[in-house]
């Protein structure tokens, strides 16, 4: 899926200013925030659900929830990006639960259990759980600093600059921790797969 910015929707305003406008129902602010963050959200959703089509659905559901729940955004609790990616992460987990439970969503937003869960979906869920367990074990083998950096980047969806600001570290240090941690993860996961 290509997240294509809409003409005229890009804004010169900072996320904080756009989020304040979003809270009061400004559709242009919502469009600008979507243009800025849907790409990162789609990447996060793809990593979590492993399927671009499902990730597109997750993004659609998440941004609909963001619009409907816009009054719930609190700047003092974190950036708009962190809030939005948290909603996307929750929607992705909901999609995975529906998939593994054999639940289909109805057009009116309700859900119905499938009469016969697909064997293929059950196998995919089992493999996904085994892979997730392997990744969690590999993450715990990293140093606390590397693990924290990788979790903030991939689970919270923060950029290197945002991680550096949150941890009060130089950006170079954050990039180094991420690079070393990912290299260790790759080696560990490749060894487990062999």
Protein backbone atom coordinates (compact mmCIF):
# COMPACT_ATOMS: atom_id res chain seq x y z
CA UNK A 1 0.00 0.00 0.00
CA UNK A 2 1.31 3.41 -0.86
CA UNK A 3 0.30 6.15 1.53
CA UNK A 4 -0.02 9.11 -0.82
CA UNK A 5 -0.32 12.60 0.64
CA UNK A 6 -3.37 14.47 -0.58
CA UNK A 7 -2.76 17.73 -2.40
CA UNK A 8 -3.20 20.70 -0.12
CA UNK A 9 -3.47 18.59 3.05
CA UNK A 10 0.16 18.98 4.09
CA UNK A 11 0.47 21.66 6.71
CA UNK A 12 3.31 23.75 7.97
CA UNK A 13 1.96 23.46 11.53
CA UNK A 14 3.60 21.25 14.16
CA UNK A 15 1.86 18.09 15.30
CA UNK A 16 0.95 19.69 18.63
CA UNK A 17 -0.88 22.54 16.89
CA UNK A 18 -2.60 20.17 14.48
CA UNK A 19 -3.64 17.90 17.35
CA UNK A 20 -5.24 20.85 19.16
CA UNK A 21 -7.21 21.61 15.99
CA UNK A 22 -8.10 17.94 15.60
CA UNK A 23 -9.60 17.83 19.09
CA UNK A 24 -12.10 20.53 18.11
CA UNK A 25 -13.03 18.72 14.88
CA UNK A 26 -10.81 20.35 12.23
CA UNK A 27 -10.85 17.91 9.29
CA UNK A 28 -7.86 19.57 7.58
CA UNK A 29 -5.78 19.03 10.71
CA UNK A 30 -6.87 15.39 10.74
CA UNK A 31 -5.86 15.01 7.07
CA UNK A 32 -2.45 16.58 7.73
CA UNK A 33 -1.85 14.27 10.70
CA UNK A 34 -2.94 11.29 8.61
CA UNK A 35 -0.54 12.30 5.84
CA UNK A 36 2.33 12.55 8.32
CA UNK A 37 1.72 9.40 10.34
CA UNK A 38 -0.19 6.85 8.25
CA UNK A 39 3.01 5.62 6.58
CA UNK A 40 4.71 4.84 9.89
CA UNK A 41 1.46 3.36 11.16
CA UNK A 42 1.15 1.14 8.10
CA UNK A 43 4.73 -0.08 8.57
CA UNK A 44 3.99 -0.89 12.23
CA UNK A 45 0.73 -2.65 11.34
CA UNK A 46 2.49 -4.69 8.61
CA UNK A 47 5.16 -5.81 11.09
CA UNK A 48 2.51 -6.84 13.60
CA UNK A 49 -0.06 -8.53 11.35
CA UNK A 50 2.29 -9.70 8.59
CA UNK A 51 -0.18 -8.95 5.82
CA UNK A 52 -0.45 -5.68 3.83
CA UNK A 53 -4.19 -6.07 3.19
CA UNK A 54 -4.92 -6.55 6.89
CA UNK A 55 -2.55 -3.69 7.72
CA UNK A 56 -4.58 -1.41 5.42
CA UNK A 57 -7.73 -2.38 7.32
CA UNK A 58 -5.96 -1.74 10.62
CA UNK A 59 -4.94 1.76 9.49
CA UNK A 60 -8.47 2.54 8.36
CA UNK A 61 -9.95 1.33 11.66
CA UNK A 62 -7.29 3.14 13.70
CA UNK A 63 -7.72 6.52 12.00
CA UNK A 64 -11.49 6.20 12.26
CA UNK A 65 -11.00 5.59 16.00
CA UNK A 66 -8.64 8.56 16.20
CA UNK A 67 -11.26 10.80 14.57
CA UNK A 68 -14.08 9.50 16.76
CA UNK A 69 -11.98 9.58 19.94
CA UNK A 70 -10.15 12.83 19.20
CA UNK A 71 -11.40 14.43 22.42
CA UNK A 72 -9.44 11.77 24.33
CA UNK A 73 -6.04 12.99 23.11
CA UNK A 74 -3.97 14.59 25.89
CA UNK A 75 -0.79 16.35 24.79
CA UNK A 76 0.64 16.22 28.31
CA UNK A 77 0.64 12.39 28.14
CA UNK A 78 2.72 12.16 24.96
CA UNK A 79 3.03 13.16 21.35
CA UNK A 80 0.26 12.69 18.82
CA UNK A 81 2.46 10.17 16.99
CA UNK A 82 2.88 8.02 20.10
CA UNK A 83 -0.87 8.19 20.79
CA UNK A 84 -1.77 7.31 17.19
CA UNK A 85 0.74 4.45 16.98
CA UNK A 86 -0.62 3.08 20.25
CA UNK A 87 -4.12 3.00 18.75
CA UNK A 88 -2.75 1.36 15.59
CA UNK A 89 -0.93 -1.25 17.68
CA UNK A 90 -4.15 -2.07 19.58
CA UNK A 91 -6.14 -2.35 16.35
CA UNK A 92 -3.44 -4.67 14.91
CA UNK A 93 -3.63 -6.91 17.99
CA UNK A 94 -7.44 -6.93 17.67
CA UNK A 95 -7.07 -8.04 14.03
CA UNK A 96 -4.69 -10.82 15.07
CA UNK A 97 -7.09 -12.00 17.78
CA UNK A 98 -9.98 -12.03 15.33
CA UNK A 99 -7.90 -13.97 12.82
CA UNK A 100 -6.73 -16.58 15.33
CA UNK A 101 -10.21 -16.98 16.82
CA UNK A 102 -11.84 -17.32 13.40
CA UNK A 103 -13.94 -14.20 13.92
CA UNK A 104 -15.12 -12.15 10.98
CA UNK A 105 -16.15 -8.53 11.19
CA UNK A 106 -19.61 -7.72 9.89
CA UNK A 107 -20.28 -4.62 7.74
CA UNK A 108 -22.07 -2.91 10.65
CA UNK A 109 -18.96 -3.24 12.87
CA UNK A 110 -20.20 -6.29 14.76
CA UNK A 111 -18.44 -9.62 14.79
CA UNK A 112 -19.50 -13.19 14.19
CA UNK A 113 -17.57 -16.37 14.88
CA UNK A 114 -16.83 -18.40 11.77
CA UNK A 115 -18.61 -21.75 11.78
CA UNK A 116 -15.48 -23.70 10.97
CA UNK A 117 -12.14 -22.12 11.89
CA UNK A 118 -9.72 -22.47 9.03
CA UNK A 119 -6.91 -24.94 9.66
CA UNK A 120 -4.62 -22.62 7.74
CA UNK A 121 -5.38 -19.70 10.06
CA UNK A 122 -4.82 -21.92 13.09
CA UNK A 123 -1.43 -23.00 11.73
CA UNK A 124 -0.48 -19.40 10.92
CA UNK A 125 -1.45 -18.30 14.44
CA UNK A 126 0.61 -21.13 15.98
CA UNK A 127 3.64 -20.26 13.84
CA UNK A 128 3.17 -16.58 14.69
CA UNK A 129 3.11 -17.36 18.42
CA UNK A 130 6.29 -19.47 18.11
CA UNK A 131 8.05 -16.72 16.16
CA UNK A 132 6.91 -14.09 18.66
CA UNK A 133 8.20 -16.22 21.53
CA UNK A 134 11.57 -16.53 19.75
CA UNK A 135 11.75 -12.77 19.23
CA UNK A 136 10.90 -12.11 22.89
CA UNK A 137 13.64 -14.51 24.02
CA UNK A 138 16.11 -12.92 21.62
CA UNK A 139 15.16 -9.45 22.89
CA UNK A 140 15.80 -10.51 26.48
CA UNK A 141 19.30 -11.63 25.46
CA UNK A 142 20.17 -8.02 24.53
CA UNK A 143 21.53 -5.46 26.92
CA UNK A 144 18.83 -3.41 28.67
CA UNK A 145 19.86 -0.31 26.69
CA UNK A 146 19.67 -2.06 23.32
CA UNK A 147 16.35 -3.72 24.18
CA UNK A 148 14.83 -0.42 25.31
CA UNK A 149 15.95 1.33 22.11
CA UNK A 150 14.56 -1.41 19.86
CA UNK A 151 11.26 -1.57 21.74
CA UNK A 152 10.82 2.21 21.50
CA UNK A 153 11.59 2.12 17.77
CA UNK A 154 9.51 -0.89 16.75
CA UNK A 155 6.75 -1.15 19.33
CA UNK A 156 6.22 2.53 20.10
CA UNK A 157 7.11 3.61 16.56
CA UNK A 158 9.45 6.39 17.66
CA UNK A 159 12.17 7.81 15.42
CA UNK A 160 15.82 7.88 16.49
CA UNK A 161 15.45 11.57 17.28
CA UNK A 162 12.36 10.97 19.43
CA UNK A 163 14.08 8.13 21.28
CA UNK A 164 17.15 10.32 21.88
CA UNK A 165 14.94 13.08 23.31
CA UNK A 166 13.00 10.66 25.52
CA UNK A 167 16.14 8.97 26.87
CA UNK A 168 18.17 12.20 26.94
CA UNK A 169 20.92 10.67 24.81
CA UNK A 170 22.76 11.77 21.66
CA UNK A 171 21.11 10.55 18.45
CA UNK A 172 24.35 8.77 17.50
CA UNK A 173 24.20 6.70 20.68
CA UNK A 174 20.61 5.70 19.95
CA UNK A 175 21.50 4.73 16.37
CA UNK A 176 24.48 2.71 17.59
CA UNK A 177 22.41 0.83 20.16
CA UNK A 178 19.73 0.10 17.57
CA UNK A 179 22.27 -1.09 14.99
CA UNK A 180 24.11 -3.36 17.45
CA UNK A 181 20.89 -4.68 18.96
CA UNK A 182 19.38 -5.49 15.57
CA UNK A 183 22.60 -7.23 14.50
CA UNK A 184 22.51 -9.39 17.65
CA UNK A 185 18.82 -10.14 17.10
CA UNK A 186 19.49 -11.17 13.51
CA UNK A 187 22.31 -13.54 14.57
CA UNK A 188 20.21 -15.06 17.37
CA UNK A 189 17.11 -15.53 15.21
CA UNK A 190 19.08 -16.98 12.28
CA UNK A 191 20.79 -19.43 14.65
CA UNK A 192 17.40 -20.48 16.05
CA UNK A 193 16.01 -20.98 12.53
CA UNK A 194 18.94 -23.18 11.47
